[in-house]
Amino acid sequence: MVKIEVFDSVWDAIEDDPIVARALERRANLMQLIQDKLEKGKWSQPEIAKMLGITRPRVSDLMRGKLSKFSLEALLGFLDRMGADVQIKVEMQKKKTA
């Protein structure tokens, strides 16, 4: 009999450490936001490269969703260069009682 594993998210399926999985998810969300904004702007890859201060091959990596090639800091920097007002909100989770 084959054992089927069920995960809360795709990130939990590809990463055993829930903290690392959550970090991947956050980076992916930022990357998707950036991709959406760039696609709506209808800029060419050379124009995007100039705006973001990166090379055209890096733009290609960004638009293809190559998450491992971009740090959180790089993604936040791209948003800054795009004129976004980036705010970070931190909420402490309440501990569950048994």
N, C-alpha and C. Protein backbone atom coordinates (compact mmCIF):
# COMPACT_ATOMS: atom_id res chain seq x y z
N MET A 1 0.84 -1.18 0.00
CA MET A 1 0.00 0.00 0.00
C MET A 1 0.88 1.25 0.00
N VAL A 2 0.53 2.21 -0.80
CA VAL A 2 1.28 3.45 -0.92
C VAL A 2 0.79 4.44 0.12
N LYS A 3 1.75 5.02 0.84
CA LYS A 3 1.40 6.04 1.84
C LYS A 3 1.33 7.39 1.14
N ILE A 4 0.22 8.08 1.30
CA ILE A 4 0.03 9.39 0.69
C ILE A 4 0.21 10.45 1.77
N GLU A 5 1.13 11.38 1.50
CA GLU A 5 1.34 12.48 2.43
C GLU A 5 0.50 13.67 2.01
N VAL A 6 -0.05 14.36 2.98
CA VAL A 6 -0.84 15.56 2.73
C VAL A 6 -0.14 16.72 3.44
N PHE A 7 0.01 17.83 2.71
CA PHE A 7 0.69 19.00 3.25
C PHE A 7 -0.24 20.20 3.27
N ASP A 8 0.04 21.11 4.19
CA ASP A 8 -0.76 22.34 4.27
C ASP A 8 -0.52 23.24 3.07
N SER A 9 0.70 23.21 2.53
CA SER A 9 1.02 24.04 1.37
C SER A 9 2.10 23.36 0.54
N VAL A 10 2.29 23.84 -0.67
CA VAL A 10 3.34 23.31 -1.53
C VAL A 10 4.71 23.56 -0.90
N TRP A 11 4.83 24.64 -0.16
CA TRP A 11 6.11 24.97 0.48
C TRP A 11 6.45 23.95 1.55
N ASP A 12 5.45 23.47 2.27
CA ASP A 12 5.69 22.43 3.27
C ASP A 12 6.08 21.12 2.61
N ALA A 13 5.62 20.90 1.39
CA ALA A 13 5.95 19.67 0.67
C ALA A 13 7.39 19.67 0.19
N ILE A 14 7.93 20.84 -0.14
CA ILE A 14 9.29 20.87 -0.66
C ILE A 14 10.35 21.21 0.38
N GLU A 15 9.91 21.61 1.57
CA GLU A 15 10.86 21.97 2.62
C GLU A 15 10.39 21.42 3.95
N ASP A 16 11.26 20.66 4.62
CA ASP A 16 10.91 20.04 5.90
C ASP A 16 10.79 21.06 7.04
N ASP A 17 11.63 22.06 7.02
CA ASP A 17 11.64 23.07 8.08
C ASP A 17 10.52 24.09 7.82
N PRO A 18 9.54 24.20 8.71
CA PRO A 18 8.42 25.11 8.47
C PRO A 18 8.84 26.58 8.39
N ILE A 19 9.91 26.96 9.06
CA ILE A 19 10.38 28.34 9.00
C ILE A 19 10.95 28.64 7.61
N VAL A 20 11.72 27.71 7.08
CA VAL A 20 12.29 27.87 5.73
C VAL A 20 11.17 27.84 4.70
N ALA A 21 10.18 26.97 4.89
CA ALA A 21 9.05 26.89 3.97
C ALA A 21 8.30 28.22 3.93
N ARG A 22 8.11 28.82 5.09
CA ARG A 22 7.40 30.11 5.17
C ARG A 22 8.20 31.22 4.49
N ALA A 23 9.53 31.18 4.65
CA ALA A 23 10.39 32.17 3.99
C ALA A 23 10.31 32.04 2.47
N LEU A 24 10.30 30.81 1.97
CA LEU A 24 10.15 30.58 0.53
C LEU A 24 8.81 31.13 0.03
N GLU A 25 7.77 30.89 0.80
CA GLU A 25 6.45 31.36 0.42
C GLU A 25 6.42 32.89 0.35
N ARG A 26 7.03 33.54 1.32
CA ARG A 26 7.04 35.01 1.33
C ARG A 26 7.80 35.56 0.12
N ARG A 27 8.95 34.95 -0.18
CA ARG A 27 9.73 35.40 -1.34
C ARG A 27 8.93 35.18 -2.63
N ALA A 28 8.26 34.04 -2.72
CA ALA A 28 7.46 33.75 -3.91
C ALA A 28 6.33 34.76 -4.06
N ASN A 29 5.70 35.14 -2.97
CA ASN A 29 4.63 36.13 -3.03
C ASN A 29 5.15 37.48 -3.51
N LEU A 30 6.31 37.89 -3.01
CA LEU A 30 6.90 39.15 -3.46
C LEU A 30 7.27 39.08 -4.94
N MET A 31 7.85 37.96 -5.34
CA MET A 31 8.23 37.80 -6.75
C MET A 31 7.00 37.88 -7.65
N GLN A 32 5.92 37.25 -7.24
CA GLN A 32 4.70 37.29 -8.04
C GLN A 32 4.15 38.71 -8.13
N LEU A 33 4.20 39.44 -7.05
CA LEU A 33 3.75 40.84 -7.04
C LEU A 33 4.58 41.67 -8.03
N ILE A 34 5.89 41.49 -7.98
CA ILE A 34 6.79 42.21 -8.89
C ILE A 34 6.49 41.84 -10.34
N GLN A 35 6.36 40.56 -10.61
CA GLN A 35 6.07 40.09 -11.97
C GLN A 35 4.76 40.70 -12.48
N ASP A 36 3.75 40.69 -11.64
CA ASP A 36 2.44 41.24 -12.04
C ASP A 36 2.56 42.72 -12.40
N LYS A 37 3.26 43.49 -11.56
CA LYS A 37 3.42 44.93 -11.81
C LYS A 37 4.21 45.18 -13.09
N LEU A 38 5.26 44.39 -13.32
CA LEU A 38 6.08 44.58 -14.52
C LEU A 38 5.30 44.20 -15.78
N GLU A 39 4.52 43.13 -15.70
CA GLU A 39 3.73 42.73 -16.87
C GLU A 39 2.66 43.77 -17.20
N LYS A 40 2.06 44.36 -16.19
CA LYS A 40 1.05 45.40 -16.42
C LYS A 40 1.68 46.65 -17.03
N GLY A 41 2.96 46.91 -16.70
CA GLY A 41 3.66 48.07 -17.23
C GLY A 41 4.06 47.93 -18.68
N LYS A 42 4.05 46.71 -19.18
CA LYS A 42 4.38 46.43 -20.59
C LYS A 42 5.75 46.98 -20.99
N TRP A 43 6.71 46.91 -20.07
CA TRP A 43 8.07 47.33 -20.38
C TRP A 43 8.82 46.18 -21.06
N SER A 44 9.82 46.52 -21.83
CA SER A 44 10.69 45.50 -22.42
C SER A 44 11.68 45.04 -21.35
N GLN A 45 12.32 43.90 -21.58
CA GLN A 45 13.29 43.42 -20.59
C GLN A 45 14.46 44.40 -20.41
N PRO A 46 14.98 45.02 -21.49
CA PRO A 46 16.03 46.02 -21.26
C PRO A 46 15.55 47.21 -20.41
N GLU A 47 14.31 47.63 -20.60
CA GLU A 47 13.76 48.73 -19.79
C GLU A 47 13.64 48.31 -18.33
N ILE A 48 13.18 47.09 -18.10
CA ILE A 48 13.06 46.57 -16.74
C ILE A 48 14.43 46.48 -16.09
N ALA A 49 15.42 45.99 -16.84
CA ALA A 49 16.78 45.85 -16.32
C ALA A 49 17.31 47.21 -15.85
N LYS A 50 17.10 48.23 -16.66
CA LYS A 50 17.56 49.57 -16.29
C LYS A 50 16.84 50.07 -15.05
N MET A 51 15.52 49.88 -14.99
CA MET A 51 14.72 50.34 -13.86
C MET A 51 15.15 49.65 -12.56
N LEU A 52 15.40 48.36 -12.63
CA LEU A 52 15.71 47.60 -11.42
C LEU A 52 17.20 47.56 -11.11
N GLY A 53 18.03 48.03 -12.03
CA GLY A 53 19.47 48.03 -11.80
C GLY A 53 20.10 46.65 -11.89
N ILE A 54 19.56 45.82 -12.79
CA ILE A 54 20.07 44.46 -12.97
C ILE A 54 20.30 44.21 -14.46
N THR A 55 20.92 43.08 -14.77
CA THR A 55 21.15 42.73 -16.16
C THR A 55 19.89 42.12 -16.79
N ARG A 56 19.85 42.10 -18.12
CA ARG A 56 18.72 41.51 -18.82
C ARG A 56 18.56 40.02 -18.50
N PRO A 57 19.66 39.24 -18.40
CA PRO A 57 19.48 37.84 -18.00
C PRO A 57 18.85 37.68 -16.61
N ARG A 58 19.16 38.62 -15.69
CA ARG A 58 18.53 38.58 -14.36
C ARG A 58 17.04 38.89 -14.45
N VAL A 59 16.67 39.79 -15.37
CA VAL A 59 15.25 40.08 -15.59
C VAL A 59 14.56 38.80 -16.05
N SER A 60 15.20 38.08 -16.95
CA SER A 60 14.64 36.82 -17.44
C SER A 60 14.45 35.84 -16.29
N ASP A 61 15.44 35.73 -15.40
CA ASP A 61 15.31 34.85 -14.23
C ASP A 61 14.14 35.29 -13.36
N LEU A 62 13.99 36.58 -13.18
CA LEU A 62 12.90 37.12 -12.36
C LEU A 62 11.55 36.78 -12.98
N MET A 63 11.41 37.04 -14.27
CA MET A 63 10.13 36.82 -14.94
C MET A 63 9.80 35.34 -15.09
N ARG A 64 10.80 34.49 -15.04
CA ARG A 64 10.58 33.04 -15.11
C ARG A 64 10.37 32.42 -13.72
N GLY A 65 10.41 33.27 -12.68
CA GLY A 65 10.12 32.80 -11.34
C GLY A 65 11.21 31.96 -10.71
N LYS A 66 12.46 32.22 -11.06
CA LYS A 66 13.58 31.46 -10.50
C LYS A 66 13.87 31.98 -9.09
N LEU A 67 13.08 31.51 -8.17
CA LEU A 67 13.07 32.00 -6.79
C LEU A 67 14.43 31.88 -6.11
N SER A 68 15.15 30.80 -6.37
CA SER A 68 16.42 30.57 -5.68
C SER A 68 17.48 31.60 -6.04
N LYS A 69 17.27 32.36 -7.10
CA LYS A 69 18.27 33.33 -7.55
C LYS A 69 18.09 34.71 -6.93
N PHE A 70 17.05 34.89 -6.10
CA PHE A 70 16.77 36.22 -5.56
C PHE A 70 16.53 36.14 -4.05
N SER A 71 17.26 36.97 -3.33
CA SER A 71 17.07 37.06 -1.88
C SER A 71 15.88 37.95 -1.57
N LEU A 72 15.44 37.88 -0.35
CA LEU A 72 14.37 38.76 0.12
C LEU A 72 14.79 40.22 -0.04
N GLU A 73 16.04 40.51 0.30
CA GLU A 73 16.53 41.88 0.20
C GLU A 73 16.51 42.38 -1.25
N ALA A 74 16.89 41.51 -2.19
CA ALA A 74 16.87 41.90 -3.60
C ALA A 74 15.45 42.20 -4.06
N LEU A 75 14.50 41.35 -3.68
CA LEU A 75 13.11 41.56 -4.08
C LEU A 75 12.55 42.85 -3.48
N LEU A 76 12.88 43.12 -2.23
CA LEU A 76 12.44 44.37 -1.60
C LEU A 76 13.07 45.57 -2.29
N GLY A 77 14.33 45.44 -2.69
CA GLY A 77 15.00 46.50 -3.42
C GLY A 77 14.34 46.78 -4.76
N PHE A 78 13.91 45.73 -5.46
CA PHE A 78 13.20 45.91 -6.73
C PHE A 78 11.92 46.71 -6.51
N LEU A 79 11.20 46.35 -5.45
CA LEU A 79 9.96 47.07 -5.15
C LEU A 79 10.24 48.54 -4.87
N ASP A 80 11.32 48.81 -4.13
CA ASP A 80 11.70 50.21 -3.87
C ASP A 80 11.98 50.94 -5.18
N ARG A 81 12.72 50.30 -6.08
CA ARG A 81 13.06 50.92 -7.36
C ARG A 81 11.82 51.13 -8.23
N MET A 82 10.78 50.33 -7.99
CA MET A 82 9.54 50.46 -8.74
C MET A 82 8.61 51.50 -8.13
N GLY A 83 9.05 52.11 -7.01
CA GLY A 83 8.26 53.16 -6.38
C GLY A 83 7.24 52.66 -5.37
N ALA A 84 7.38 51.41 -4.96
CA ALA A 84 6.44 50.86 -3.98
C ALA A 84 6.75 51.36 -2.58
N ASP A 85 5.73 51.51 -1.79
CA ASP A 85 5.88 51.85 -0.38
C ASP A 85 5.80 50.54 0.39
N VAL A 86 6.96 49.94 0.65
CA VAL A 86 7.01 48.64 1.30
C VAL A 86 6.94 48.82 2.80
N GLN A 87 6.00 48.13 3.41
CA GLN A 87 5.86 48.14 4.86
C GLN A 87 5.85 46.70 5.35
N ILE A 88 6.50 46.47 6.47
CA ILE A 88 6.54 45.12 7.03
C ILE A 88 5.72 45.13 8.31
N LYS A 89 4.79 44.21 8.38
CA LYS A 89 3.91 44.11 9.54
C LYS A 89 4.23 42.80 10.27
N VAL A 90 4.46 42.88 11.55
CA VAL A 90 4.78 41.69 12.34
C VAL A 90 3.71 41.54 13.42
N GLU A 91 3.11 40.36 13.46
CA GLU A 91 2.15 40.04 14.49
C GLU A 91 2.60 38.76 15.18
N MET A 92 2.70 38.80 16.47
CA MET A 92 3.09 37.61 17.21
C MET A 92 1.88 36.69 17.35
N GLN A 93 2.11 35.41 17.05
CA GLN A 93 1.02 34.44 17.16
C GLN A 93 0.83 34.07 18.62
N LYS A 94 -0.41 33.87 18.97
CA LYS A 94 -0.71 33.43 20.33
C LYS A 94 -0.35 31.97 20.44
N LYS A 95 0.27 31.60 21.54
CA LYS A 95 0.64 30.20 21.75
C LYS A 95 -0.60 29.38 22.04
N LYS A 96 -0.65 28.22 21.42
CA LYS A 96 -1.78 27.32 21.65
C LYS A 96 -1.59 26.60 22.98
N THR A 97 -2.65 26.48 23.73
CA THR A 97 -2.59 25.76 24.99
C THR A 97 -3.21 24.39 24.82
N ALA A 98 -2.61 23.43 25.47
CA ALA A 98 -3.10 22.04 25.31
C ALA A 98 -4.22 21.73 26.25
